Amino acid sequence: MAESRYDGNEPTAEYRPRRYALEALTAGAMGYSYGADGIWDWGSDQRHPDPRSRLDIPSSFEMKQIGDFFGNLEWWKLSPADGLASKGRSLAELGKQYVVWLDGGGSFTLALPVRRSRFSATWFDPVRGTTTISTGITAGGKQTFTPPFDGDAIFYLNLDAVRSSSDFTQATAD
């Protein structure tokens, strides 16, 4: 677990706390520490004389939403899984659960076990904190997924019928 830049002192707009957190978590970090300029210094920073005003910034809500989302997964069983998704960063417990983070959104192909299996899919919008869930879907092999919203997206796939590792062959993304 590591602490990155505080919200409020990023060098450019693409360095946002949500991105730092998701880069760490999808690299296999066991947690993430978040901070915002203007809180820890108790008002001594002239840019933020009232530290309470920094409690309601968007990144504080995004961190809670990301924490709540991962808190509902068996995240400790996931490992970085480079090559399973054609885009984004992925974690997997092969044959059981998959997470793909799409920085900026867009469609991607995920290499699932070749054997057709039933699964539930969840799209999570880390900015708005909304989820879209599909259940009872049967698929196998390479599958293409598209988020139902624009912008950053996290895709979670949970296989409903868990099989032993000898029951499936993992496809690979191109």
Protein backbone atom coordinates (compact mmCIF):
# COMPACT_ATOMS: atom_id res chain seq x y z
CA MET A 1 0.00 0.00 0.00
CA ALA A 2 1.34 3.42 -0.89
CA GLU A 3 0.30 7.03 -0.83
CA SER A 4 0.40 9.03 -4.05
CA ARG A 5 -0.06 12.74 -4.68
CA TYR A 6 -2.68 14.56 -2.68
CA ASP A 7 -5.76 15.86 -4.48
CA GLY A 8 -4.98 19.49 -5.17
CA ASN A 9 -1.30 19.20 -6.05
CA GLU A 10 -1.38 17.28 -9.34
CA PRO A 11 0.93 18.59 -12.07
CA THR A 12 -1.69 18.16 -14.83
CA ALA A 13 -5.37 17.24 -15.13
CA GLU A 14 -4.78 13.57 -16.04
CA TYR A 15 -3.18 13.03 -12.64
CA ARG A 16 -6.35 12.58 -10.67
CA PRO A 17 -6.76 10.62 -7.44
CA ARG A 18 -9.21 8.16 -9.05
CA ARG A 19 -6.57 7.22 -11.61
CA TYR A 20 -3.86 6.76 -8.97
CA ALA A 21 -6.13 4.54 -6.89
CA LEU A 22 -7.23 2.37 -9.81
CA GLU A 23 -3.69 2.05 -11.15
CA ALA A 24 -2.58 0.77 -7.75
CA LEU A 25 -5.53 -1.56 -7.19
CA THR A 26 -5.39 -3.10 -10.67
CA ALA A 27 -1.64 -3.66 -10.25
CA GLY A 28 -2.41 -5.92 -7.30
CA ALA A 29 -1.95 -3.48 -4.39
CA MET A 30 -3.49 -4.63 -1.13
CA GLY A 31 -4.94 -1.18 -0.50
CA TYR A 32 -4.62 2.50 -1.27
CA SER A 33 -4.10 5.60 0.85
CA TYR A 34 -5.81 8.84 -0.20
CA GLY A 35 -5.30 12.43 0.86
CA ALA A 36 -6.40 15.92 -0.15
CA ASP A 37 -4.45 19.15 0.14
CA GLY A 38 -6.01 21.52 2.62
CA ILE A 39 -7.12 18.90 5.17
CA TRP A 40 -3.94 17.62 6.80
CA ASP A 41 -2.47 21.10 7.34
CA TRP A 42 -5.51 22.33 9.32
CA GLY A 43 -5.96 25.58 7.43
CA SER A 44 -2.34 26.74 7.22
CA ASP A 45 -2.42 26.37 3.41
CA GLN A 46 -3.62 29.76 2.12
CA ARG A 47 -5.29 28.09 -0.87
CA HIS A 48 -7.62 26.23 1.51
CA PRO A 49 -8.14 28.29 4.69
CA ASP A 50 -11.10 26.15 5.81
CA PRO A 51 -10.06 22.47 5.84
CA ARG A 52 -13.71 21.37 6.13
CA SER A 53 -14.33 22.72 2.61
CA ARG A 54 -11.96 20.03 1.30
CA LEU A 55 -14.08 17.18 2.67
CA ASP A 56 -16.69 17.57 -0.05
CA ILE A 57 -14.48 17.44 -3.12
CA PRO A 58 -15.33 14.93 -5.88
CA SER A 59 -12.30 12.72 -5.26
CA SER A 60 -13.33 12.02 -1.66
CA PHE A 61 -16.64 10.60 -2.92
CA GLU A 62 -14.89 8.67 -5.69
CA MET A 63 -12.51 7.04 -3.19
CA LYS A 64 -15.47 5.92 -1.07
CA GLN A 65 -17.28 4.53 -4.12
CA ILE A 66 -14.18 2.65 -5.28
CA GLY A 67 -13.64 1.28 -1.75
CA ASP A 68 -17.27 0.16 -1.52
CA PHE A 69 -17.09 -1.51 -4.94
CA PHE A 70 -13.91 -3.47 -4.20
CA GLY A 71 -15.19 -4.23 -0.69
CA ASN A 72 -18.01 -6.28 -2.24
CA LEU A 73 -15.56 -8.48 -4.17
CA GLU A 74 -13.25 -11.24 -3.01
CA TRP A 75 -10.45 -8.90 -4.12
CA TRP A 76 -7.77 -10.71 -2.12
CA LYS A 77 -8.12 -13.66 -4.52
CA LEU A 78 -7.42 -11.50 -7.59
CA SER A 79 -4.01 -11.18 -9.26
CA PRO A 80 -2.81 -8.92 -12.08
CA ALA A 81 -3.73 -10.58 -15.36
CA ASP A 82 -1.92 -8.89 -18.23
CA GLY A 83 -3.00 -10.20 -21.59
CA LEU A 84 -6.54 -11.30 -20.68
CA ALA A 85 -8.15 -8.03 -21.78
CA SER A 86 -7.45 -6.30 -25.08
CA LYS A 87 -7.59 -2.93 -23.36
CA GLY A 88 -7.34 -1.58 -19.83
CA ARG A 89 -5.82 -3.17 -16.76
CA SER A 90 -7.12 -6.46 -15.46
CA LEU A 91 -7.17 -8.65 -12.39
CA ALA A 92 -8.37 -12.22 -12.33
CA GLU A 93 -8.99 -15.30 -10.32
CA LEU A 94 -8.92 -17.44 -13.45
CA GLY A 95 -12.13 -19.26 -14.11
CA LYS A 96 -13.98 -17.48 -11.28
CA GLN A 97 -13.82 -13.68 -11.30
CA TYR A 98 -12.36 -10.91 -13.43
CA VAL A 99 -11.97 -7.13 -13.04
CA VAL A 100 -11.06 -4.78 -15.90
CA TRP A 101 -10.49 -1.05 -15.42
CA LEU A 102 -10.95 1.06 -18.54
CA ASP A 103 -9.27 4.45 -18.07
CA GLY A 104 -11.48 6.65 -20.25
CA GLY A 105 -13.92 3.86 -21.12
CA GLY A 106 -14.43 2.05 -24.43
CA SER A 107 -15.05 -1.51 -25.55
CA PHE A 108 -12.66 -4.38 -24.88
CA THR A 109 -12.34 -8.10 -25.48
CA LEU A 110 -11.87 -10.43 -22.52
CA ALA A 111 -10.43 -13.92 -22.81
CA LEU A 112 -12.76 -16.14 -20.76
CA PRO A 113 -12.51 -19.88 -20.22
CA VAL A 114 -13.24 -21.65 -23.52
CA ARG A 115 -15.84 -23.83 -21.83
CA ARG A 116 -19.19 -22.03 -21.88
CA SER A 117 -20.16 -20.88 -18.38
CA ARG A 118 -22.88 -18.81 -16.75
CA PHE A 119 -21.80 -15.52 -15.28
CA SER A 120 -22.96 -12.23 -13.84
CA ALA A 121 -21.48 -8.99 -15.10
CA THR A 122 -21.35 -5.64 -13.34
CA TRP A 123 -20.36 -2.30 -14.85
CA PHE A 124 -19.31 0.26 -12.26
CA ASP A 125 -19.03 4.00 -12.95
CA PRO A 126 -16.40 5.25 -10.44
CA VAL A 127 -17.35 8.89 -11.02
CA ARG A 128 -21.10 8.62 -10.39
CA GLY A 129 -21.02 5.50 -8.21
CA THR A 130 -23.64 3.71 -10.30
CA THR A 131 -23.71 0.05 -11.28
CA THR A 132 -25.37 -1.86 -14.09
CA ILE A 133 -25.79 -5.60 -13.51
CA SER A 134 -26.53 -8.43 -15.96
CA THR A 135 -27.10 -11.95 -14.67
CA GLY A 136 -27.58 -15.41 -16.13
CA ILE A 137 -25.42 -14.80 -19.19
CA THR A 138 -23.82 -17.82 -20.83
CA ALA A 139 -20.59 -17.31 -22.75
CA GLY A 140 -17.12 -18.72 -23.28
CA GLY A 141 -13.91 -17.86 -25.11
CA LYS A 142 -13.20 -14.33 -26.26
CA GLN A 143 -16.07 -11.93 -25.54
CA THR A 144 -16.39 -8.23 -26.30
CA PHE A 145 -17.91 -5.93 -23.69
CA THR A 146 -18.96 -2.27 -23.96
CA PRO A 147 -19.80 -0.10 -20.94
CA PRO A 148 -23.33 1.35 -20.85
CA PHE A 149 -21.93 4.82 -20.04
CA ASP A 150 -19.10 7.13 -21.13
CA GLY A 151 -15.85 7.71 -19.25
CA ASP A 152 -13.89 5.61 -16.78
CA ALA A 153 -15.42 2.19 -16.19
CA ILE A 154 -14.76 -0.88 -14.08
CA PHE A 155 -16.07 -4.21 -15.32
CA TYR A 156 -16.54 -7.11 -12.92
CA LEU A 157 -17.34 -10.60 -14.15
CA ASN A 158 -18.25 -13.31 -11.67
CA LEU A 159 -18.77 -16.83 -12.94
CA ASP A 160 -21.92 -18.35 -11.47
CA ALA A 161 -20.91 -21.98 -12.02
CA VAL A 162 -17.45 -22.33 -10.55
CA ARG A 163 -15.55 -25.31 -11.92
CA SER A 164 -12.19 -26.82 -11.01
CA SER A 165 -9.17 -25.56 -12.92
CA SER A 166 -9.05 -28.83 -14.88
CA ASP A 167 -12.53 -28.10 -16.26
CA PHE A 168 -11.55 -25.07 -18.33
CA THR A 169 -8.97 -23.79 -20.76
CA GLN A 170 -8.25 -20.07 -20.64
CA ALA A 171 -8.39 -18.21 -23.96
CA THR A 172 -5.93 -15.37 -24.59
CA ALA A 173 -6.71 -11.85 -25.82
CA ASP A 174 -5.18 -10.71 -29.11
